[in-house]
Amino acid sequence: MNDQAWYLKTSQWLISVLTPFVILMISVRILITPLFAKIEYKLPGFPEDPYGFTMQDRLRWSEPSIRYLVNNEDIDYLEVLAFNDGEPIFNDRELSHMVDVKGVVTGMRVALAIFFIFLVICVWVLLKKGRRDFIISAFYMGGWGLIGLIAAILLLVAISFNQLFTWFHQIFFSDGTWQFYTSDTLIRLFPMRFWRDAFIFVGVLSLIIAGVVIITTRKHFNFKVKE
C-alpha cells in the first residue's frame, strides 16, 4: 500500500489543482458565443456607439468576429467583411490582433482538453484502487480553490477593472498590439463595458459550478472535527 500511496496522493492532488482551471476554461468557452453578445447589447445602460453602429449593426458584425475565434477558418474569414460602401470592417491592426486572440483561445481549448483528459485519468486511477474518498475530497478542495481564485478576480474587477484588463493583455499579448482608437470597429463592437461584464459572467458562472461541486461532494466528505 505504501508503494502505491505516492501516485494515489498525486492523483488526488492533480484533481484538486486541475478542477479550478477546467471549470474556469469551460466558463470562458461558454462565453465565446454570439449568444452572450446578443444578451449583452440588450442590457440596460449598454453604451451606444458614438460613431453610428446600431444594435443590429453590432449583432451583424459581432457574430462572425466571435465565431472566428473558435472555428477552423483563417483570417480571410474576417478580412472579406465589408461595409455597404466596400470599406473593410477591420483594419490591418485589428485583423492582426484577432489572429493573436484566436491563438490564445486555441491554446486555451487545447489546454482544456489536456487538463480534462488528465482529470479523467486521475479519477479512473483512484476509482480502480477503490479510493472514492480521495476523489470526493479532491473535488471538494478544488471547488473551494476556484472560489478563492474567482473571489480575487471579482475583487479586482470591482476595484479597478481597467487595471485588470491591462494586466490581462500584457500577459497574453505583445505591447502595442492590443490598443485601438475608439473609432476602430473592435472598440465599437466590444467597448470596455462588454469586457467588464464578460469577466463578471465568467466569474459568476464559475462560482455557480464550483458551488454545485462543493454541495455535491460535501455530504460525502469525511470531516474530522476535533472535540
C-alpha atoms as a PDB file:
ATOM      1  CA  MET A   1       0.000   0.000   0.000  1.00  0.00           C
ATOM      2  CA  ASN A   2       2.868   2.372   0.789  1.00  0.00           C
ATOM      3  CA  ASP A   3       4.343   1.766  -2.681  1.00  0.00           C
ATOM      4  CA  GLN A   4       1.036   2.868  -4.193  1.00  0.00           C
ATOM      5  CA  ALA A   5       0.478   5.844  -1.912  1.00  0.00           C
ATOM      6  CA  TRP A   6       2.582   8.273  -3.946  1.00  0.00           C
ATOM      7  CA  TYR A   7       0.568   8.004  -7.165  1.00  0.00           C
ATOM      8  CA  LEU A   8      -2.749   7.889  -5.317  1.00  0.00           C
ATOM      9  CA  LYS A   9      -1.859  11.098  -3.488  1.00  0.00           C
ATOM     10  CA  THR A  10      -0.538  12.596  -6.717  1.00  0.00           C
ATOM     11  CA  SER A  11      -3.798  11.768  -8.494  1.00  0.00           C
ATOM     12  CA  GLN A  12      -5.760  13.346  -5.666  1.00  0.00           C
ATOM     13  CA  TRP A  13      -3.579  16.459  -5.759  1.00  0.00           C
ATOM     14  CA  LEU A  14      -3.900  16.764  -9.545  1.00  0.00           C
ATOM     15  CA  ILE A  15      -7.696  16.609  -9.333  1.00  0.00           C
ATOM     16  CA  SER A  16      -7.689  19.409  -6.744  1.00  0.00           C
ATOM     17  CA  VAL A  17      -5.381  21.566  -8.876  1.00  0.00           C
ATOM     18  CA  LEU A  18      -6.922  20.875 -12.285  1.00  0.00           C
ATOM     19  CA  THR A  19     -10.575  21.236 -11.251  1.00  0.00           C
ATOM     20  CA  PRO A  20     -10.490  25.062 -10.883  1.00  0.00           C
ATOM     21  CA  PHE A  21      -8.785  25.518 -14.248  1.00  0.00           C
ATOM     22  CA  VAL A  22     -11.110  23.115 -16.064  1.00  0.00           C
ATOM     23  CA  ILE A  23     -14.206  24.843 -14.681  1.00  0.00           C
ATOM     24  CA  LEU A  24     -12.803  28.297 -15.426  1.00  0.00           C
ATOM     25  CA  MET A  25     -11.917  27.398 -19.011  1.00  0.00           C
ATOM     26  CA  ILE A  26     -15.316  25.791 -19.577  1.00  0.00           C
ATOM     27  CA  SER A  27     -16.908  29.064 -18.431  1.00  0.00           C
ATOM     28  CA  VAL A  28     -14.715  31.049 -20.823  1.00  0.00           C
ATOM     29  CA  ARG A  29     -15.621  28.719 -23.687  1.00  0.00           C
ATOM     30  CA  ILE A  30     -19.324  29.207 -22.941  1.00  0.00           C
ATOM     31  CA  LEU A  31     -18.712  32.958 -23.030  1.00  0.00           C
ATOM     32  CA  ILE A  32     -17.243  32.824 -26.545  1.00  0.00           C
ATOM     33  CA  THR A  33     -20.572  32.508 -28.340  1.00  0.00           C
ATOM     34  CA  PRO A  34     -22.701  35.044 -30.244  1.00  0.00           C
ATOM     35  CA  LEU A  35     -25.453  34.500 -27.662  1.00  0.00           C
ATOM     36  CA  PHE A  36     -23.511  36.377 -24.984  1.00  0.00           C
ATOM     37  CA  ALA A  37     -23.151  39.402 -27.268  1.00  0.00           C
ATOM     38  CA  LYS A  38     -26.866  39.313 -28.128  1.00  0.00           C
ATOM     39  CA  ILE A  39     -27.767  39.421 -24.449  1.00  0.00           C
ATOM     40  CA  GLU A  40     -25.085  41.969 -23.552  1.00  0.00           C
ATOM     41  CA  TYR A  41     -26.116  44.503 -26.207  1.00  0.00           C
ATOM     42  CA  LYS A  42     -29.682  44.479 -24.870  1.00  0.00           C
ATOM     43  CA  LEU A  43     -28.764  45.113 -21.240  1.00  0.00           C
ATOM     44  CA  PRO A  44     -29.894  48.452 -19.782  1.00  0.00           C
ATOM     45  CA  GLY A  45     -27.191  51.085 -19.887  1.00  0.00           C
ATOM     46  CA  PHE A  46     -25.017  49.409 -22.507  1.00  0.00           C
ATOM     47  CA  PRO A  47     -23.228  52.314 -24.228  1.00  0.00           C
ATOM     48  CA  GLU A  48     -24.308  53.322 -27.693  1.00  0.00           C
ATOM     49  CA  ASP A  49     -21.717  53.612 -30.429  1.00  0.00           C
ATOM     50  CA  PRO A  50     -20.831  57.306 -30.867  1.00  0.00           C
ATOM     51  CA  TYR A  51     -19.850  56.616 -34.483  1.00  0.00           C
ATOM     52  CA  GLY A  52     -23.215  55.251 -35.542  1.00  0.00           C
ATOM     53  CA  PHE A  53     -23.425  51.479 -35.131  1.00  0.00           C
ATOM     54  CA  THR A  54     -26.983  50.440 -34.325  1.00  0.00           C
ATOM     55  CA  MET A  55     -27.742  47.364 -32.246  1.00  0.00           C
ATOM     56  CA  GLN A  56     -28.442  45.482 -35.470  1.00  0.00           C
ATOM     57  CA  ASP A  57     -25.062  46.559 -36.855  1.00  0.00           C
ATOM     58  CA  ARG A  58     -23.347  45.299 -33.731  1.00  0.00           C
ATOM     59  CA  LEU A  59     -25.214  41.997 -33.874  1.00  0.00           C
ATOM     60  CA  ARG A  60     -24.385  41.621 -37.563  1.00  0.00           C
ATOM     61  CA  TRP A  61     -20.643  42.209 -37.217  1.00  0.00           C
ATOM     62  CA  SER A  62     -20.012  40.746 -33.766  1.00  0.00           C
ATOM     63  CA  GLU A  63     -21.291  37.293 -34.742  1.00  0.00           C
ATOM     64  CA  PRO A  64     -18.594  36.483 -37.345  1.00  0.00           C
ATOM     65  CA  SER A  65     -15.990  38.125 -35.102  1.00  0.00           C
ATOM     66  CA  ILE A  66     -16.841  35.757 -32.256  1.00  0.00           C
ATOM     67  CA  ARG A  67     -17.292  32.685 -34.443  1.00  0.00           C
ATOM     68  CA  TYR A  68     -13.856  33.244 -35.971  1.00  0.00           C
ATOM     69  CA  LEU A  69     -12.237  32.653 -32.585  1.00  0.00           C
ATOM     70  CA  VAL A  70     -13.481  29.065 -32.373  1.00  0.00           C
ATOM     71  CA  ASN A  71     -13.816  27.937 -35.993  1.00  0.00           C
ATOM     72  CA  ASN A  72     -11.169  26.484 -38.315  1.00  0.00           C
ATOM     73  CA  GLU A  73     -11.058  29.446 -40.708  1.00  0.00           C
ATOM     74  CA  ASP A  74      -8.035  31.662 -41.296  1.00  0.00           C
ATOM     75  CA  ILE A  75      -8.081  35.456 -41.113  1.00  0.00           C
ATOM     76  CA  ASP A  76      -9.674  35.693 -44.586  1.00  0.00           C
ATOM     77  CA  TYR A  77     -12.914  34.871 -42.781  1.00  0.00           C
ATOM     78  CA  LEU A  78     -12.844  38.393 -41.305  1.00  0.00           C
ATOM     79  CA  GLU A  79     -10.768  40.108 -43.958  1.00  0.00           C
ATOM     80  CA  VAL A  80     -13.521  39.811 -46.571  1.00  0.00           C
ATOM     81  CA  LEU A  81     -16.130  41.527 -44.380  1.00  0.00           C
ATOM     82  CA  ALA A  82     -17.008  44.987 -45.658  1.00  0.00           C
ATOM     83  CA  PHE A  83     -19.492  47.793 -45.132  1.00  0.00           C
ATOM     84  CA  ASN A  84     -22.032  48.641 -47.818  1.00  0.00           C
ATOM     85  CA  ASP A  85     -19.613  51.172 -49.329  1.00  0.00           C
ATOM     86  CA  GLY A  86     -16.956  48.481 -49.728  1.00  0.00           C
ATOM     87  CA  GLU A  87     -14.778  49.700 -46.854  1.00  0.00           C
ATOM     88  CA  PRO A  88     -13.314  46.774 -44.862  1.00  0.00           C
ATOM     89  CA  ILE A  89     -14.864  46.197 -41.447  1.00  0.00           C
ATOM     90  CA  PHE A  90     -11.472  45.715 -39.799  1.00  0.00           C
ATOM     91  CA  ASN A  91      -8.153  47.418 -40.477  1.00  0.00           C
ATOM     92  CA  ASP A  92      -4.809  45.602 -40.537  1.00  0.00           C
ATOM     93  CA  ARG A  93      -4.088  46.238 -36.840  1.00  0.00           C
ATOM     94  CA  GLU A  94      -7.446  44.806 -35.839  1.00  0.00           C
ATOM     95  CA  LEU A  95      -7.028  41.756 -38.057  1.00  0.00           C
ATOM     96  CA  SER A  96      -3.587  41.120 -36.605  1.00  0.00           C
ATOM     97  CA  HIS A  97      -4.990  41.304 -33.082  1.00  0.00           C
ATOM     98  CA  MET A  98      -7.797  38.914 -33.935  1.00  0.00           C
ATOM     99  CA  VAL A  99      -5.199  36.405 -35.144  1.00  0.00           C
ATOM    100  CA  ASP A 100      -3.438  36.785 -31.785  1.00  0.00           C
ATOM    101  CA  VAL A 101      -6.688  36.382 -29.861  1.00  0.00           C
ATOM    102  CA  LYS A 102      -7.560  33.259 -31.819  1.00  0.00           C
ATOM    103  CA  GLY A 103      -4.149  31.866 -30.928  1.00  0.00           C
ATOM    104  CA  VAL A 104      -4.826  32.424 -27.232  1.00  0.00           C
ATOM    105  CA  VAL A 105      -8.307  30.908 -27.476  1.00  0.00           C
ATOM    106  CA  THR A 106      -6.968  27.897 -29.380  1.00  0.00           C
ATOM    107  CA  GLY A 107      -4.273  27.433 -26.753  1.00  0.00           C
ATOM    108  CA  MET A 108      -6.918  27.539 -24.030  1.00  0.00           C
ATOM    109  CA  ARG A 109      -9.038  24.935 -25.816  1.00  0.00           C
ATOM    110  CA  VAL A 110      -6.037  22.621 -26.185  1.00  0.00           C
ATOM    111  CA  ALA A 111      -5.157  23.118 -22.512  1.00  0.00           C
ATOM    112  CA  LEU A 112      -8.760  22.395 -21.533  1.00  0.00           C
ATOM    113  CA  ALA A 113      -8.722  19.130 -23.485  1.00  0.00           C
ATOM    114  CA  ILE A 114      -5.399  18.067 -21.956  1.00  0.00           C
ATOM    115  CA  PHE A 115      -6.422  19.013 -18.410  1.00  0.00           C
ATOM    116  CA  PHE A 116      -9.746  17.222 -18.796  1.00  0.00           C
ATOM    117  CA  ILE A 117      -8.019  14.057 -20.009  1.00  0.00           C
ATOM    118  CA  PHE A 118      -5.642  14.153 -17.038  1.00  0.00           C
ATOM    119  CA  LEU A 119      -8.623  14.724 -14.745  1.00  0.00           C
ATOM    120  CA  VAL A 120     -10.425  11.674 -16.122  1.00  0.00           C
ATOM    121  CA  ILE A 121      -7.272   9.551 -15.824  1.00  0.00           C
ATOM    122  CA  CYS A 122      -6.761  10.597 -12.197  1.00  0.00           C
ATOM    123  CA  VAL A 123     -10.372   9.789 -11.341  1.00  0.00           C
ATOM    124  CA  TRP A 124     -10.056   6.423 -13.101  1.00  0.00           C
ATOM    125  CA  VAL A 125      -6.861   5.578 -11.175  1.00  0.00           C
ATOM    126  CA  LEU A 126      -8.483   6.345  -7.831  1.00  0.00           C
ATOM    127  CA  LEU A 127     -11.689   4.501  -8.710  1.00  0.00           C
ATOM    128  CA  LYS A 128      -9.686   1.456  -9.764  1.00  0.00           C
ATOM    129  CA  LYS A 129      -7.999   1.426  -6.354  1.00  0.00           C
ATOM    130  CA  GLY A 130     -11.287   1.941  -4.534  1.00  0.00           C
ATOM    131  CA  ARG A 131     -10.339   5.417  -3.255  1.00  0.00           C
ATOM    132  CA  ARG A 132     -13.632   7.167  -3.841  1.00  0.00           C
ATOM    133  CA  ASP A 133     -12.931   9.188  -0.702  1.00  0.00           C
ATOM    134  CA  PHE A 134      -9.831  10.665  -2.360  1.00  0.00           C
ATOM    135  CA  ILE A 135     -11.899  11.710  -5.386  1.00  0.00           C
ATOM    136  CA  ILE A 136     -14.591  13.368  -3.282  1.00  0.00           C
ATOM    137  CA  SER A 137     -12.128  15.285  -1.122  1.00  0.00           C
ATOM    138  CA  ALA A 138     -10.128  16.354  -4.197  1.00  0.00           C
ATOM    139  CA  PHE A 139     -13.159  17.816  -5.982  1.00  0.00           C
ATOM    140  CA  TYR A 140     -14.306  19.428  -2.729  1.00  0.00           C
ATOM    141  CA  MET A 141     -10.971  21.195  -2.240  1.00  0.00           C
ATOM    142  CA  GLY A 142     -10.792  22.064  -5.934  1.00  0.00           C
ATOM    143  CA  GLY A 143     -14.186  23.734  -5.698  1.00  0.00           C
ATOM    144  CA  TRP A 144     -13.040  25.880  -2.799  1.00  0.00           C
ATOM    145  CA  GLY A 145      -9.807  26.682  -4.617  1.00  0.00           C
ATOM    146  CA  LEU A 146     -11.798  28.017  -7.555  1.00  0.00           C
ATOM    147  CA  ILE A 147     -13.991  30.113  -5.275  1.00  0.00           C
ATOM    148  CA  GLY A 148     -10.867  31.736  -3.832  1.00  0.00           C
ATOM    149  CA  LEU A 149      -9.486  32.439  -7.303  1.00  0.00           C
ATOM    150  CA  ILE A 150     -12.742  33.897  -8.635  1.00  0.00           C
ATOM    151  CA  ALA A 151     -13.257  35.989  -5.500  1.00  0.00           C
ATOM    152  CA  ALA A 152      -9.849  37.582  -6.089  1.00  0.00           C
ATOM    153  CA  ILE A 153     -10.657  38.269  -9.760  1.00  0.00           C
ATOM    154  CA  LEU A 154     -14.067  39.784  -8.986  1.00  0.00           C
ATOM    155  CA  LEU A 155     -12.465  41.928  -6.287  1.00  0.00           C
ATOM    156  CA  LEU A 156     -10.042  43.293  -8.879  1.00  0.00           C
ATOM    157  CA  VAL A 157     -12.976  43.928 -11.235  1.00  0.00           C
ATOM    158  CA  ALA A 158     -14.667  45.958  -8.504  1.00  0.00           C
ATOM    159  CA  ILE A 159     -11.520  47.881  -7.516  1.00  0.00           C
ATOM    160  CA  SER A 160     -10.106  48.675 -10.959  1.00  0.00           C
ATOM    161  CA  PHE A 161     -11.281  46.762 -13.988  1.00  0.00           C
ATOM    162  CA  ASN A 162      -9.156  48.903 -16.304  1.00  0.00           C
ATOM    163  CA  GLN A 163      -6.010  47.781 -14.486  1.00  0.00           C
ATOM    164  CA  LEU A 164      -7.101  44.136 -14.555  1.00  0.00           C
ATOM    165  CA  PHE A 165      -7.862  44.451 -18.273  1.00  0.00           C
ATOM    166  CA  THR A 166      -4.396  45.914 -18.871  1.00  0.00           C
ATOM    167  CA  TRP A 167      -2.663  43.154 -16.888  1.00  0.00           C
ATOM    168  CA  PHE A 168      -4.584  40.505 -18.795  1.00  0.00           C
ATOM    169  CA  HIS A 169      -3.460  41.872 -22.162  1.00  0.00           C
ATOM    170  CA  GLN A 170       0.128  42.386 -21.013  1.00  0.00           C
ATOM    171  CA  ILE A 171       0.281  38.692 -20.086  1.00  0.00           C
ATOM    172  CA  PHE A 172      -1.123  37.315 -23.336  1.00  0.00           C
ATOM    173  CA  PHE A 173      -0.250  39.923 -25.988  1.00  0.00           C
ATOM    174  CA  SER A 174       2.782  41.920 -27.094  1.00  0.00           C
ATOM    175  CA  ASP A 175       2.970  45.615 -26.251  1.00  0.00           C
ATOM    176  CA  GLY A 176       1.352  47.879 -28.803  1.00  0.00           C
ATOM    177  CA  THR A 177      -0.736  45.149 -30.442  1.00  0.00           C
ATOM    178  CA  TRP A 178      -3.920  45.445 -28.405  1.00  0.00           C
ATOM    179  CA  GLN A 179      -4.601  49.186 -28.104  1.00  0.00           C
ATOM    180  CA  PHE A 180      -7.013  50.761 -30.572  1.00  0.00           C
ATOM    181  CA  TYR A 181      -8.747  54.031 -31.384  1.00  0.00           C
ATOM    182  CA  THR A 182     -12.323  54.496 -30.214  1.00  0.00           C
ATOM    183  CA  SER A 183     -13.291  54.755 -33.894  1.00  0.00           C
ATOM    184  CA  ASP A 184     -11.914  51.276 -34.665  1.00  0.00           C
ATOM    185  CA  THR A 185     -14.511  48.581 -35.250  1.00  0.00           C
ATOM    186  CA  LEU A 186     -13.310  46.297 -32.443  1.00  0.00           C
ATOM    187  CA  ILE A 187     -13.856  49.038 -29.860  1.00  0.00           C
ATOM    188  CA  ARG A 188     -17.214  49.979 -31.361  1.00  0.00           C
ATOM    189  CA  LEU A 189     -18.384  46.362 -31.205  1.00  0.00           C
ATOM    190  CA  PHE A 190     -16.783  45.479 -27.888  1.00  0.00           C
ATOM    191  CA  PRO A 191     -16.399  48.536 -25.637  1.00  0.00           C
ATOM    192  CA  MET A 192     -14.965  48.285 -22.124  1.00  0.00           C
ATOM    193  CA  ARG A 193     -18.416  47.633 -20.634  1.00  0.00           C
ATOM    194  CA  PHE A 194     -18.631  44.474 -22.752  1.00  0.00           C
ATOM    195  CA  TRP A 195     -15.388  43.107 -21.309  1.00  0.00           C
ATOM    196  CA  ARG A 196     -16.220  44.066 -17.746  1.00  0.00           C
ATOM    197  CA  ASP A 197     -19.480  42.138 -17.987  1.00  0.00           C
ATOM    198  CA  ALA A 198     -17.665  39.251 -19.688  1.00  0.00           C
ATOM    199  CA  PHE A 199     -15.289  38.932 -16.723  1.00  0.00           C
ATOM    200  CA  ILE A 200     -18.241  39.063 -14.343  1.00  0.00           C
ATOM    201  CA  PHE A 201     -20.129  36.440 -16.365  1.00  0.00           C
ATOM    202  CA  VAL A 202     -17.185  34.032 -16.301  1.00  0.00           C
ATOM    203  CA  GLY A 203     -16.711  34.648 -12.585  1.00  0.00           C
ATOM    204  CA  VAL A 204     -20.347  34.125 -11.653  1.00  0.00           C
ATOM    205  CA  LEU A 205     -20.759  31.042 -13.860  1.00  0.00           C
ATOM    206  CA  SER A 206     -17.577  29.544 -12.400  1.00  0.00           C
ATOM    207  CA  LEU A 207     -18.823  30.248  -8.874  1.00  0.00           C
ATOM    208  CA  ILE A 208     -22.120  28.521  -9.634  1.00  0.00           C
ATOM    209  CA  ILE A 209     -20.361  25.436 -10.998  1.00  0.00           C
ATOM    210  CA  ALA A 210     -17.939  25.423  -8.057  1.00  0.00           C
ATOM    211  CA  GLY A 211     -20.891  25.707  -5.681  1.00  0.00           C
ATOM    212  CA  VAL A 212     -22.555  22.696  -7.278  1.00  0.00           C
ATOM    213  CA  VAL A 213     -19.312  20.711  -6.948  1.00  0.00           C
ATOM    214  CA  ILE A 214     -18.933  21.654  -3.284  1.00  0.00           C
ATOM    215  CA  ILE A 215     -22.558  20.944  -2.377  1.00  0.00           C
ATOM    216  CA  THR A 216     -22.480  17.625  -4.229  1.00  0.00           C
ATOM    217  CA  THR A 217     -19.284  16.449  -2.543  1.00  0.00           C
ATOM    218  CA  ARG A 218     -19.865  17.992   0.883  1.00  0.00           C
ATOM    219  CA  LYS A 219     -22.436  15.448   2.014  1.00  0.00           C
ATOM    220  CA  HIS A 220     -19.960  12.666   1.240  1.00  0.00           C
ATOM    221  CA  PHE A 221     -16.905  14.434   2.621  1.00  0.00           C
ATOM    222  CA  ASN A 222     -15.450  12.834   5.726  1.00  0.00           C
ATOM    223  CA  PHE A 223     -14.983  15.762   8.081  1.00  0.00           C
ATOM    224  CA  LYS A 224     -12.813  15.156  11.114  1.00  0.00           C
ATOM    225  CA  VAL A 225     -13.883  17.547  13.817  1.00  0.00           C
ATOM    226  CA  LYS A 226     -11.778  17.869  16.918  1.00  0.00           C
ATOM    227  CA  GLU A 227     -13.857  17.879  20.014  1.00  0.00           C
END
